[in-house]
PDB file of N, CA and C in Angstrom:
ATOM      1  N   MET A   1       1.173  -1.005   0.348  1.00  0.00           N
ATOM      2  CA  MET A   1      -0.222   0.271  -0.151  1.00  0.00           C
ATOM      3  C   MET A   1       0.869   1.515   0.088  1.00  0.00           C
ATOM      4  N   PRO A   2       1.266   1.889  -0.981  1.00  0.00           N
ATOM      5  CA  PRO A   2       1.511   2.904  -1.029  1.00  0.00           C
ATOM      6  C   PRO A   2       1.438   4.379   0.347  1.00  0.00           C
ATOM      7  N   ASN A   3       2.043   4.835   0.091  1.00  0.00           N
ATOM      8  CA  ASN A   3       2.173   6.339   1.084  1.00  0.00           C
ATOM      9  C   ASN A   3       1.174   6.745   0.826  1.00  0.00           C
ATOM     10  N   ARG A   4       0.507   7.704   1.646  1.00  0.00           N
ATOM     11  CA  ARG A   4      -0.912   8.752   0.843  1.00  0.00           C
ATOM     12  C   ARG A   4      -0.109  10.001   1.334  1.00  0.00           C
ATOM     13  N   LYS A   5      -0.104  10.819   0.440  1.00  0.00           N
ATOM     14  CA  LYS A   5      -0.405  12.106   1.288  1.00  0.00           C
ATOM     15  C   LYS A   5      -0.887  13.579   1.905  1.00  0.00           C
ATOM     16  N   ARG A   6      -0.802  13.231   3.099  1.00  0.00           N
ATOM     17  CA  ARG A   6      -0.614  14.327   3.674  1.00  0.00           C
ATOM     18  C   ARG A   6      -1.352  15.538   3.720  1.00  0.00           C
ATOM     19  N   THR A   7      -2.987  15.461   3.427  1.00  0.00           N
ATOM     20  CA  THR A   7      -3.406  16.755   3.484  1.00  0.00           C
ATOM     21  C   THR A   7      -3.900  17.425   4.897  1.00  0.00           C
ATOM     22  N   GLU A   8      -4.430  18.759   4.056  1.00  0.00           N
ATOM     23  CA  GLU A   8      -4.152  19.898   5.284  1.00  0.00           C
ATOM     24  C   GLU A   8      -6.034  19.893   6.548  1.00  0.00           C
ATOM     25  N   THR A   9      -6.698  18.374   5.518  1.00  0.00           N
ATOM     26  CA  THR A   9      -7.264  18.070   6.745  1.00  0.00           C
ATOM     27  C   THR A   9      -7.044  17.073   7.205  1.00  0.00           C
ATOM     28  N   ASP A  10      -5.505  16.560   7.215  1.00  0.00           N
ATOM     29  CA  ASP A  10      -5.378  15.257   8.229  1.00  0.00           C
ATOM     30  C   ASP A  10      -4.821  16.529   9.344  1.00  0.00           C
ATOM     31  N   ASP A  11      -3.940  17.153   8.793  1.00  0.00           N
ATOM     32  CA  ASP A  11      -3.654  18.113  10.096  1.00  0.00           C
ATOM     33  C   ASP A  11      -4.310  18.823  10.839  1.00  0.00           C
ATOM     34  N   PHE A  12      -5.662  19.219  10.223  1.00  0.00           N
ATOM     35  CA  PHE A  12      -6.373  19.770  11.144  1.00  0.00           C
ATOM     36  C   PHE A  12      -7.022  18.454  11.978  1.00  0.00           C
ATOM     37  N   GLU A  13      -7.197  17.789  11.216  1.00  0.00           N
ATOM     38  CA  GLU A  13      -7.816  16.518  12.208  1.00  0.00           C
ATOM     39  C   GLU A  13      -7.117  15.981  13.366  1.00  0.00           C
ATOM     40  N   GLU A  14      -5.911  15.889  13.399  1.00  0.00           N
ATOM     41  CA  GLU A  14      -4.628  16.163  14.322  1.00  0.00           C
ATOM     42  C   GLU A  14      -4.780  16.836  15.124  1.00  0.00           C
ATOM     43  N   ILE A  15      -4.739  18.286  14.560  1.00  0.00           N
ATOM     44  CA  ILE A  15      -4.981  19.092  15.743  1.00  0.00           C
ATOM     45  C   ILE A  15      -6.005  19.219  16.659  1.00  0.00           C
ATOM     46  N   GLN A  16      -6.723  18.837  16.003  1.00  0.00           N
ATOM     47  CA  GLN A  16      -8.056  18.153  17.142  1.00  0.00           C
ATOM     48  C   GLN A  16      -7.739  17.445  17.934  1.00  0.00           C
ATOM     49  N   HIS A  17      -7.678  16.672  17.540  1.00  0.00           N
ATOM     50  CA  HIS A  17      -7.330  15.364  18.585  1.00  0.00           C
ATOM     51  C   HIS A  17      -6.748  15.964  20.096  1.00  0.00           C
ATOM     52  N   ILE A  18      -5.361  16.243  19.426  1.00  0.00           N
ATOM     53  CA  ILE A  18      -4.695  17.078  20.625  1.00  0.00           C
ATOM     54  C   ILE A  18      -5.297  18.324  20.962  1.00  0.00           C
ATOM     55  N   ARG A  19      -5.914  19.361  21.046  1.00  0.00           N
ATOM     56  CA  ARG A  19      -7.188  20.138  21.746  1.00  0.00           C
ATOM     57  C   ARG A  19      -7.547  19.246  22.611  1.00  0.00           C
ATOM     58  N   GLU A  20      -8.586  18.026  21.758  1.00  0.00           N
ATOM     59  CA  GLU A  20      -9.621  17.433  22.944  1.00  0.00           C
ATOM     60  C   GLU A  20      -8.428  16.449  23.958  1.00  0.00           C
ATOM     61  N   ASP A  21      -7.718  16.150  23.094  1.00  0.00           N
ATOM     62  CA  ASP A  21      -6.516  15.891  24.623  1.00  0.00           C
ATOM     63  C   ASP A  21      -6.083  16.662  25.635  1.00  0.00           C
ATOM     64  N   ILE A  22      -5.685  17.905  25.594  1.00  0.00           N
ATOM     65  CA  ILE A  22      -5.551  18.746  25.819  1.00  0.00           C
ATOM     66  C   ILE A  22      -6.178  19.003  27.173  1.00  0.00           C
ATOM     67  N   SER A  23      -7.442  18.895  26.309  1.00  0.00           N
ATOM     68  CA  SER A  23      -8.754  19.192  27.248  1.00  0.00           C
ATOM     69  C   SER A  23      -9.388  18.132  28.127  1.00  0.00           C
ATOM     70  N   SER A  24      -8.679  17.180  27.505  1.00  0.00           N
ATOM     71  CA  SER A  24      -9.412  15.730  28.810  1.00  0.00           C
ATOM     72  C   SER A  24      -8.238  15.911  30.312  1.00  0.00           C
ATOM     73  N   LEU A  25      -6.973  16.160  30.012  1.00  0.00           N
ATOM     74  CA  LEU A  25      -6.048  16.192  30.852  1.00  0.00           C
ATOM     75  C   LEU A  25      -6.121  16.915  31.270  1.00  0.00           C
ATOM     76  N   LYS A  26      -6.525  18.193  31.508  1.00  0.00           N
ATOM     77  CA  LYS A  26      -7.027  19.812  32.213  1.00  0.00           C
ATOM     78  C   LYS A  26      -7.990  19.330  32.818  1.00  0.00           C
ATOM     79  N   THR A  27      -8.494  19.167  32.582  1.00  0.00           N
ATOM     80  CA  THR A  27     -10.126  18.610  33.362  1.00  0.00           C
ATOM     81  C   THR A  27      -9.561  17.208  34.219  1.00  0.00           C
ATOM     82  N   ASN A  28      -8.652  16.360  33.788  1.00  0.00           N
ATOM     83  CA  ASN A  28      -8.193  15.203  34.710  1.00  0.00           C
ATOM     84  C   ASN A  28      -7.119  16.251  35.994  1.00  0.00           C
ATOM     85  N   VAL A  29      -6.350  16.712  35.562  1.00  0.00           N
ATOM     86  CA  VAL A  29      -5.940  17.423  36.398  1.00  0.00           C
ATOM     87  C   VAL A  29      -6.412  18.180  37.540  1.00  0.00           C
ATOM     88  N   VAL A  30      -7.375  19.056  37.142  1.00  0.00           N
ATOM     89  CA  VAL A  30      -8.290  20.119  38.441  1.00  0.00           C
ATOM     90  C   VAL A  30      -9.041  19.024  39.319  1.00  0.00           C
ATOM     91  N   ALA A  31      -9.909  17.900  38.621  1.00  0.00           N
ATOM     92  CA  ALA A  31     -10.286  16.524  38.887  1.00  0.00           C
ATOM     93  C   ALA A  31      -9.715  15.876  40.504  1.00  0.00           C
ATOM     94  N   LEU A  32      -7.934  15.632  39.709  1.00  0.00           N
ATOM     95  CA  LEU A  32      -7.116  15.130  40.536  1.00  0.00           C
ATOM     96  C   LEU A  32      -6.268  16.070  41.751  1.00  0.00           C
ATOM     97  N   THR A  33      -6.461  16.974  41.604  1.00  0.00           N
ATOM     98  CA  THR A  33      -5.743  18.370  42.305  1.00  0.00           C
ATOM     99  C   THR A  33      -7.140  18.792  43.384  1.00  0.00           C
ATOM    100  N   ARG A  34      -8.580  18.408  43.130  1.00  0.00           N
ATOM    101  CA  ARG A  34      -9.796  18.424  44.171  1.00  0.00           C
ATOM    102  C   ARG A  34      -9.584  17.660  44.773  1.00  0.00           C
ATOM    103  N   HIS A  35      -9.348  16.757  44.362  1.00  0.00           N
ATOM    104  CA  HIS A  35      -9.404  14.959  45.349  1.00  0.00           C
ATOM    105  C   HIS A  35      -7.920  15.317  46.321  1.00  0.00           C
ATOM    106  N   LEU A  36      -6.938  15.749  45.937  1.00  0.00           N
ATOM    107  CA  LEU A  36      -5.730  15.707  46.356  1.00  0.00           C
ATOM    108  C   LEU A  36      -6.056  16.366  48.038  1.00  0.00           C
ATOM    109  N   LYS A  37      -6.554  17.612  47.262  1.00  0.00           N
ATOM    110  CA  LYS A  37      -6.428  18.897  48.254  1.00  0.00           C
ATOM    111  C   LYS A  37      -7.703  18.404  49.632  1.00  0.00           C
ATOM    112  N   GLU A  38      -8.627  17.479  49.361  1.00  0.00           N
ATOM    113  CA  GLU A  38      -9.874  17.109  50.342  1.00  0.00           C
ATOM    114  C   GLU A  38      -8.996  16.208  50.665  1.00  0.00           C
ATOM    115  N   ASN A  39      -8.404  15.639  50.447  1.00  0.00           N
ATOM    116  CA  ASN A  39      -7.935  14.219  51.303  1.00  0.00           C
ATOM    117  C   ASN A  39      -6.699  14.699  52.258  1.00  0.00           C
ATOM    118  N   GLY A  40      -6.127  16.009  51.653  1.00  0.00           N
ATOM    119  CA  GLY A  40      -6.021  16.346  52.254  1.00  0.00           C
ATOM    120  C   GLY A  40      -5.787  17.037  53.981  1.00  0.00           C
ATOM    121  N   GLU A  41      -7.133  17.444  53.502  1.00  0.00           N
ATOM    122  CA  GLU A  41      -7.526  18.559  54.595  1.00  0.00           C
ATOM    123  C   GLU A  41      -7.778  17.488  55.502  1.00  0.00           C
ATOM    124  N   HIS A  42      -8.571  16.702  54.992  1.00  0.00           N
ATOM    125  CA  HIS A  42      -9.211  14.937  55.953  1.00  0.00           C
ATOM    126  C   HIS A  42      -7.983  14.563  57.214  1.00  0.00           C
ATOM    127  N   ARG A  43      -6.576  14.738  56.830  1.00  0.00           N
ATOM    128  CA  ARG A  43      -6.161  13.421  57.194  1.00  0.00           C
ATOM    129  C   ARG A  43      -5.224  14.881  58.492  1.00  0.00           C
ATOM    130  N   VAL A  44      -5.434  16.117  57.448  1.00  0.00           N
ATOM    131  CA  VAL A  44      -4.935  17.115  58.288  1.00  0.00           C
ATOM    132  C   VAL A  44      -5.905  17.155  59.785  1.00  0.00           C
ATOM    133  N   ASP A  45      -6.981  17.495  59.594  1.00  0.00           N
ATOM    134  CA  ASP A  45      -8.473  17.510  60.159  1.00  0.00           C
ATOM    135  C   ASP A  45      -7.945  15.939  61.401  1.00  0.00           C
ATOM    136  N   SER A  46      -7.990  15.140  60.472  1.00  0.00           N
ATOM    137  CA  SER A  46      -7.959  13.878  61.912  1.00  0.00           C
ATOM    138  C   SER A  46      -6.234  13.920  62.635  1.00  0.00           C
ATOM    139  N   LEU A  47      -4.977  14.761  62.134  1.00  0.00           N
ATOM    140  CA  LEU A  47      -4.086  14.548  62.835  1.00  0.00           C
ATOM    141  C   LEU A  47      -4.743  15.840  63.794  1.00  0.00           C
ATOM    142  N   GLU A  48      -4.443  16.509  63.490  1.00  0.00           N
ATOM    143  CA  GLU A  48      -4.939  18.036  64.335  1.00  0.00           C
ATOM    144  C   GLU A  48      -6.161  16.466  65.906  1.00  0.00           C
ATOM    145  N   ARG A  49      -6.883  16.702  65.747  1.00  0.00           N
ATOM    146  CA  ARG A  49      -7.673  16.126  66.967  1.00  0.00           C
ATOM    147  C   ARG A  49      -7.099  14.840  67.095  1.00  0.00           C
ATOM    148  N   ARG A  50      -6.193  14.033  67.487  1.00  0.00           N
ATOM    149  CA  ARG A  50      -5.111  13.391  67.518  1.00  0.00           C
ATOM    150  C   ARG A  50      -3.900  14.099  68.540  1.00  0.00           C
ATOM    151  N   ALA A  51      -3.675  14.992  67.846  1.00  0.00           N
ATOM    152  CA  ALA A  51      -2.582  15.750  68.808  1.00  0.00           C
ATOM    153  C   ALA A  51      -3.638  16.658  69.445  1.00  0.00           C
ATOM    154  N   GLU A  52      -4.483  17.221  69.935  1.00  0.00           N
ATOM    155  CA  GLU A  52      -5.604  17.982  71.028  1.00  0.00           C
ATOM    156  C   GLU A  52      -5.777  16.917  71.603  1.00  0.00           C
ATOM    157  N   GLU A  53      -5.819  15.342  71.587  1.00  0.00           N
ATOM    158  CA  GLU A  53      -6.118  14.486  72.320  1.00  0.00           C
ATOM    159  C   GLU A  53      -5.504  14.165  72.849  1.00  0.00           C
ATOM    160  N   LYS A  54      -4.327  14.087  72.768  1.00  0.00           N
ATOM    161  CA  LYS A  54      -2.745  13.420  73.320  1.00  0.00           C
ATOM    162  C   LYS A  54      -2.115  14.479  74.740  1.00  0.00           C
ATOM    163  N   LEU A  55      -2.193  15.354  73.825  1.00  0.00           N
ATOM    164  CA  LEU A  55      -1.945  16.763  74.995  1.00  0.00           C
ATOM    165  C   LEU A  55      -3.335  16.970  75.509  1.00  0.00           C
ATOM    166  N   ARG A  56      -4.660  16.458  75.835  1.00  0.00           N
ATOM    167  CA  ARG A  56      -5.024  17.361  76.639  1.00  0.00           C
ATOM    168  C   ARG A  56      -4.775  15.519  77.616  1.00  0.00           C
ATOM    169  N   ASN A  57      -4.965  14.535  77.681  1.00  0.00           N
ATOM    170  CA  ASN A  57      -4.523  13.141  78.332  1.00  0.00           C
ATOM    171  C   ASN A  57      -3.551  14.100  79.088  1.00  0.00           C
ATOM    172  N   GLY A  58      -2.126  14.498  78.365  1.00  0.00           N
ATOM    173  CA  GLY A  58      -0.932  14.607  78.827  1.00  0.00           C
ATOM    174  C   GLY A  58      -1.089  15.442  79.947  1.00  0.00           C
ATOM    175  N   LEU A  59      -1.776  16.879  79.643  1.00  0.00           N
ATOM    176  CA  LEU A  59      -2.152  17.534  80.628  1.00  0.00           C
ATOM    177  C   LEU A  59      -3.059  16.900  82.123  1.00  0.00           C
ATOM    178  N   GLU A  60      -3.600  16.254  81.846  1.00  0.00           N
ATOM    179  CA  GLU A  60      -4.173  15.527  82.925  1.00  0.00           C
ATOM    180  C   GLU A  60      -3.870  15.019  83.358  1.00  0.00           C
ATOM    181  N   LYS A  61      -2.542  13.975  83.094  1.00  0.00           N
ATOM    182  CA  LYS A  61      -1.366  13.096  84.646  1.00  0.00           C
ATOM    183  C   LYS A  61      -1.191  14.517  84.595  1.00  0.00           C
ATOM    184  N   VAL A  62      -0.468  14.719  83.767  1.00  0.00           N
ATOM    185  CA  VAL A  62       0.777  15.990  84.971  1.00  0.00           C
ATOM    186  C   VAL A  62      -0.852  16.763  85.698  1.00  0.00           C
ATOM    187  N   GLU A  63      -1.926  17.137  86.206  1.00  0.00           N
ATOM    188  CA  GLU A  63      -2.323  17.822  86.784  1.00  0.00           C
ATOM    189  C   GLU A  63      -2.884  16.699  87.934  1.00  0.00           C
ATOM    190  N   LYS A  64      -3.347  16.181  87.299  1.00  0.00           N
ATOM    191  CA  LYS A  64      -3.069  14.400  89.064  1.00  0.00           C
ATOM    192  C   LYS A  64      -1.619  14.697  89.294  1.00  0.00           C
ATOM    193  N   GLN A  65      -0.955  14.273  89.093  1.00  0.00           N
ATOM    194  CA  GLN A  65       0.747  14.650  89.379  1.00  0.00           C
ATOM    195  C   GLN A  65       0.370  15.209  90.744  1.00  0.00           C
ATOM    196  N   VAL A  66       0.473  16.462  90.002  1.00  0.00           N
ATOM    197  CA  VAL A  66       0.815  18.056  90.204  1.00  0.00           C
ATOM    198  C   VAL A  66      -0.056  18.060  91.738  1.00  0.00           C
ATOM    199  N   LYS A  67      -1.403  17.082  91.628  1.00  0.00           N
ATOM    200  CA  LYS A  67      -2.129  17.091  92.724  1.00  0.00           C
ATOM    201  C   LYS A  67      -1.975  16.299  94.361  1.00  0.00           C
ATOM    202  N   ALA A  68      -1.459  15.111  92.725  1.00  0.00           N
ATOM    203  CA  ALA A  68      -1.135  13.902  94.341  1.00  0.00           C
ATOM    204  C   ALA A  68       0.000  14.289  95.187  1.00  0.00           C
ATOM    205  N   ASN A  69       1.164  15.374  94.771  1.00  0.00           N
ATOM    206  CA  ASN A  69       2.142  15.574  94.668  1.00  0.00           C
ATOM    207  C   ASN A  69       2.247  16.635  95.036  1.00  0.00           C
ATOM    208  N   PRO A  70       2.173  17.753  95.615  1.00  0.00           N
ATOM    209  CA  PRO A  70       2.355  19.398  95.102  1.00  0.00           C
ATOM    210  C   PRO A  70       3.663  19.894  95.602  1.00  0.00           C
ATOM    211  N   GLY A  71       4.045  19.530  96.919  1.00  0.00           N
ATOM    212  CA  GLY A  71       5.208  20.008  97.467  1.00  0.00           C
ATOM    213  C   GLY A  71       6.352  19.076  96.202  1.00  0.00           C
ATOM    214  N   GLN A  72       6.680  18.531  96.354  1.00  0.00           N
ATOM    215  CA  GLN A  72       7.662  17.357  95.583  1.00  0.00           C
ATOM    216  C   GLN A  72       7.521  18.181  93.386  1.00  0.00           C
ATOM    217  N   SER A  73       6.348  18.905  93.251  1.00  0.00           N
ATOM    218  CA  SER A  73       5.596  19.098  92.059  1.00  0.00           C
ATOM    219  C   SER A  73       6.258  20.564  92.098  1.00  0.00           C
ATOM    220  N   LEU A  74       6.546  21.124  93.091  1.00  0.00           N
ATOM    221  CA  LEU A  74       7.219  22.508  92.835  1.00  0.00           C
ATOM    222  C   LEU A  74       8.257  22.905  92.971  1.00  0.00           C
ATOM    223  N   THR A  75       9.390  21.837  94.121  1.00  0.00           N
ATOM    224  CA  THR A  75      10.597  21.629  94.161  1.00  0.00           C
ATOM    225  C   THR A  75      10.923  21.272  92.922  1.00  0.00           C
ATOM    226  N   MET A  76      10.071  20.891  92.366  1.00  0.00           N
ATOM    227  CA  MET A  76      10.841  20.595  89.909  1.00  0.00           C
ATOM    228  C   MET A  76      10.438  22.001  89.984  1.00  0.00           C
ATOM    229  N   ALA A  77       9.210  22.396  90.020  1.00  0.00           N
ATOM    230  CA  ALA A  77       9.080  23.709  89.128  1.00  0.00           C
ATOM    231  C   ALA A  77      10.408  24.140  88.907  1.00  0.00           C
ATOM    232  N   PHE A  78      10.167  24.969  90.643  1.00  0.00           N
ATOM    233  CA  PHE A  78      11.558  25.692  90.878  1.00  0.00           C
ATOM    234  C   PHE A  78      12.855  25.422  90.073  1.00  0.00           C
ATOM    235  N   CYS A  79      13.981  23.764  90.271  1.00  0.00           N
ATOM    236  CA  CYS A  79      15.132  23.673  89.464  1.00  0.00           C
ATOM    237  C   CYS A  79      14.620  23.551  88.397  1.00  0.00           C
ATOM    238  N   ALA A  80      13.532  23.545  87.680  1.00  0.00           N
ATOM    239  CA  ALA A  80      13.778  23.482  86.586  1.00  0.00           C
ATOM    240  C   ALA A  80      14.130  25.196  85.235  1.00  0.00           C
ATOM    241  N   GLY A  81      13.019  26.024  87.033  1.00  0.00           N
ATOM    242  CA  GLY A  81      13.104  27.038  86.311  1.00  0.00           C
ATOM    243  C   GLY A  81      15.130  28.122  86.263  1.00  0.00           C
ATOM    244  N   VAL A  82      15.226  27.523  87.816  1.00  0.00           N
ATOM    245  CA  VAL A  82      16.798  27.564  87.658  1.00  0.00           C
ATOM    246  C   VAL A  82      17.861  27.380  87.087  1.00  0.00           C
ATOM    247  N   LEU A  83      17.888  26.131  86.970  1.00  0.00           N
ATOM    248  CA  LEU A  83      18.318  25.431  85.471  1.00  0.00           C
ATOM    249  C   LEU A  83      18.554  26.597  84.004  1.00  0.00           C
ATOM    250  N   LEU A  84      17.252  26.488  83.862  1.00  0.00           N
ATOM    251  CA  LEU A  84      17.061  27.348  82.881  1.00  0.00           C
ATOM    252  C   LEU A  84      17.146  28.686  82.756  1.00  0.00           C
ATOM    253  N   ASN A  85      17.029  29.365  83.253  1.00  0.00           N
ATOM    254  CA  ASN A  85      17.903  30.644  84.353  1.00  0.00           C
ATOM    255  C   ASN A  85      19.427  30.369  83.608  1.00  0.00           C
ATOM    256  N   TYR A  86      19.617  29.842  84.410  1.00  0.00           N
ATOM    257  CA  TYR A  86      21.063  29.704  84.412  1.00  0.00           C
ATOM    258  C   TYR A  86      21.809  28.883  83.185  1.00  0.00           C
ATOM    259  N   PHE A  87      21.258  28.581  82.249  1.00  0.00           N
ATOM    260  CA  PHE A  87      21.735  28.255  80.909  1.00  0.00           C
ATOM    261  C   PHE A  87      20.797  28.792  79.694  1.00  0.00           C
ATOM    262  N   LEU A  88      19.785  30.025  80.024  1.00  0.00           N
ATOM    263  CA  LEU A  88      20.040  31.545  79.127  1.00  0.00           C
ATOM    264  C   LEU A  88      21.032  32.563  79.547  1.00  0.00           C
ATOM    265  N   ASP A  89      21.337  32.858  80.889  1.00  0.00           N
ATOM    266  CA  ASP A  89      22.090  34.204  80.735  1.00  0.00           C
ATOM    267  C   ASP A  89      23.773  33.297  80.859  1.00  0.00           C
ATOM    268  N   ARG A  90      23.928  32.718  80.493  1.00  0.00           N
ATOM    269  CA  ARG A  90      25.514  31.585  79.886  1.00  0.00           C
ATOM    270  C   ARG A  90      26.084  32.802  78.992  1.00  0.00           C
ATOM    271  N   ARG A  91      24.939  32.441  77.639  1.00  0.00           N
ATOM    272  CA  ARG A  91      24.680  32.910  76.368  1.00  0.00           C
ATOM    273  C   ARG A  91      25.584  34.357  76.684  1.00  0.00           C
TER     274      ARG A  91
END
């Protein structure tokens, strides 16, 4: 079968196919971006809730410890403050 010569119609059809492919690609990229954004927001919300829960639990443990041993807690806080002051003043 001999090679037929390309015509302007062939070129025009090829350009139309390329335009359709680009349009389809743009639609898919927009949909993918939207999906990734929504999924990312969901994951961030989930991580934020877990972090808040862990922080709340940690604070409750500290509060119970301080109530159970107020003298020891006060002494530890004082010592931590003295050490922190010492290291910050050494600059």
